Amino acid sequence: MGKRDWKSFDDVIGWLKKSGDEDRRFTPGEVQHMIDDFSRLRDKGMEFVRDPEKLCDQLKNSR
């Protein structure tokens, strides 16, 4: 999360769709899971947070 100045879930989702598969840190399967996770948070109206620990908590609590 700290690598870019994300403003919203849509920013992250858009980047993942456009460039995520090209980022060597992720496998294609991971990219799709992240898109699904961020989309779920967005669709639930969750607040966008950049803090990785808070984001992890959001993801755990949204399932």
C-alpha atoms as a PDB file:
ATOM      1  CA  MET A   1       0.000   0.000   0.000  1.00  0.00           C
ATOM      2  CA  GLY A   2       2.876   2.358   0.635  1.00  0.00           C
ATOM      3  CA  LYS A   3       4.285   2.120  -2.889  1.00  0.00           C
ATOM      4  CA  ARG A   4       1.726   4.475  -4.454  1.00  0.00           C
ATOM      5  CA  ASP A   5      -0.504   7.326  -3.367  1.00  0.00           C
ATOM      6  CA  TRP A   6      -3.782   5.394  -3.529  1.00  0.00           C
ATOM      7  CA  LYS A   7      -6.950   7.466  -3.140  1.00  0.00           C
ATOM      8  CA  SER A   8      -9.644   4.790  -3.311  1.00  0.00           C
ATOM      9  CA  PHE A   9     -10.399   1.124  -3.805  1.00  0.00           C
ATOM     10  CA  ASP A  10     -11.044   1.932  -7.464  1.00  0.00           C
ATOM     11  CA  ASP A  11      -7.472   3.276  -7.790  1.00  0.00           C
ATOM     12  CA  VAL A  12      -6.071  -0.001  -6.492  1.00  0.00           C
ATOM     13  CA  ILE A  13      -8.449  -2.163  -8.523  1.00  0.00           C
ATOM     14  CA  GLY A  14      -7.699  -0.229 -11.706  1.00  0.00           C
ATOM     15  CA  TRP A  15      -3.952  -0.574 -11.226  1.00  0.00           C
ATOM     16  CA  LEU A  16      -4.257  -4.290 -10.471  1.00  0.00           C
ATOM     17  CA  LYS A  17      -6.323  -4.848 -13.617  1.00  0.00           C
ATOM     18  CA  LYS A  18      -3.950  -2.827 -15.789  1.00  0.00           C
ATOM     19  CA  SER A  19      -0.525  -3.636 -14.339  1.00  0.00           C
ATOM     20  CA  GLY A  20      -0.881  -6.196 -11.563  1.00  0.00           C
ATOM     21  CA  ASP A  21       0.039  -9.192 -13.688  1.00  0.00           C
ATOM     22  CA  GLU A  22       3.218  -7.406 -14.802  1.00  0.00           C
ATOM     23  CA  ASP A  23       4.357  -6.841 -11.209  1.00  0.00           C
ATOM     24  CA  ARG A  24       6.771  -9.668 -10.439  1.00  0.00           C
ATOM     25  CA  ARG A  25       5.777  -9.647  -6.761  1.00  0.00           C
ATOM     26  CA  PHE A  26       2.389 -11.170  -7.617  1.00  0.00           C
ATOM     27  CA  THR A  27       1.202 -14.253  -9.440  1.00  0.00           C
ATOM     28  CA  PRO A  28      -1.804 -13.889 -11.764  1.00  0.00           C
ATOM     29  CA  GLY A  29      -3.928 -15.814  -9.264  1.00  0.00           C
ATOM     30  CA  GLU A  30      -2.961 -13.432  -6.465  1.00  0.00           C
ATOM     31  CA  VAL A  31      -3.836 -10.435  -8.597  1.00  0.00           C
ATOM     32  CA  GLN A  32      -7.354 -11.735  -9.232  1.00  0.00           C
ATOM     33  CA  HIS A  33      -7.858 -12.503  -5.531  1.00  0.00           C
ATOM     34  CA  MET A  34      -6.750  -8.981  -4.630  1.00  0.00           C
ATOM     35  CA  ILE A  35      -9.138  -7.513  -7.208  1.00  0.00           C
ATOM     36  CA  ASP A  36     -11.938  -9.590  -5.693  1.00  0.00           C
ATOM     37  CA  ASP A  37     -11.000  -8.571  -2.126  1.00  0.00           C
ATOM     38  CA  PHE A  38     -10.770  -4.840  -2.881  1.00  0.00           C
ATOM     39  CA  SER A  39     -13.993  -4.993  -4.904  1.00  0.00           C
ATOM     40  CA  ARG A  40     -15.771  -6.644  -1.977  1.00  0.00           C
ATOM     41  CA  LEU A  41     -14.635  -3.896   0.410  1.00  0.00           C
ATOM     42  CA  ARG A  42     -15.675  -1.194  -2.070  1.00  0.00           C
ATOM     43  CA  ASP A  43     -19.063  -2.787  -2.690  1.00  0.00           C
ATOM     44  CA  LYS A  44     -19.712  -3.008   1.068  1.00  0.00           C
ATOM     45  CA  GLY A  45     -19.023   0.708   1.374  1.00  0.00           C
ATOM     46  CA  MET A  46     -16.022   0.226   3.635  1.00  0.00           C
ATOM     47  CA  GLU A  47     -13.788   3.204   4.316  1.00  0.00           C
ATOM     48  CA  PHE A  48     -10.633   3.213   2.210  1.00  0.00           C
ATOM     49  CA  VAL A  49      -7.555   2.958   4.408  1.00  0.00           C
ATOM     50  CA  ARG A  50      -3.904   2.897   3.390  1.00  0.00           C
ATOM     51  CA  ASP A  51      -2.607   1.422   6.631  1.00  0.00           C
ATOM     52  CA  PRO A  52      -1.720  -2.239   5.865  1.00  0.00           C
ATOM     53  CA  GLU A  53      -2.708  -3.470   9.341  1.00  0.00           C
ATOM     54  CA  LYS A  54      -6.116  -1.781   9.221  1.00  0.00           C
ATOM     55  CA  LEU A  55      -6.623  -2.996   5.662  1.00  0.00           C
ATOM     56  CA  CYS A  56      -5.857  -6.557   6.727  1.00  0.00           C
ATOM     57  CA  ASP A  57      -8.433  -6.232   9.517  1.00  0.00           C
ATOM     58  CA  GLN A  58     -11.020  -4.958   7.019  1.00  0.00           C
ATOM     59  CA  LEU A  59     -10.360  -7.901   4.733  1.00  0.00           C
ATOM     60  CA  LYS A  60     -10.633 -10.427   7.560  1.00  0.00           C
ATOM     61  CA  ASN A  61     -13.894  -8.905   8.796  1.00  0.00           C
ATOM     62  CA  SER A  62     -15.490  -8.647   5.348  1.00  0.00           C
ATOM     63  CA  ARG A  63     -15.634 -12.354   4.590  1.00  0.00           C
END
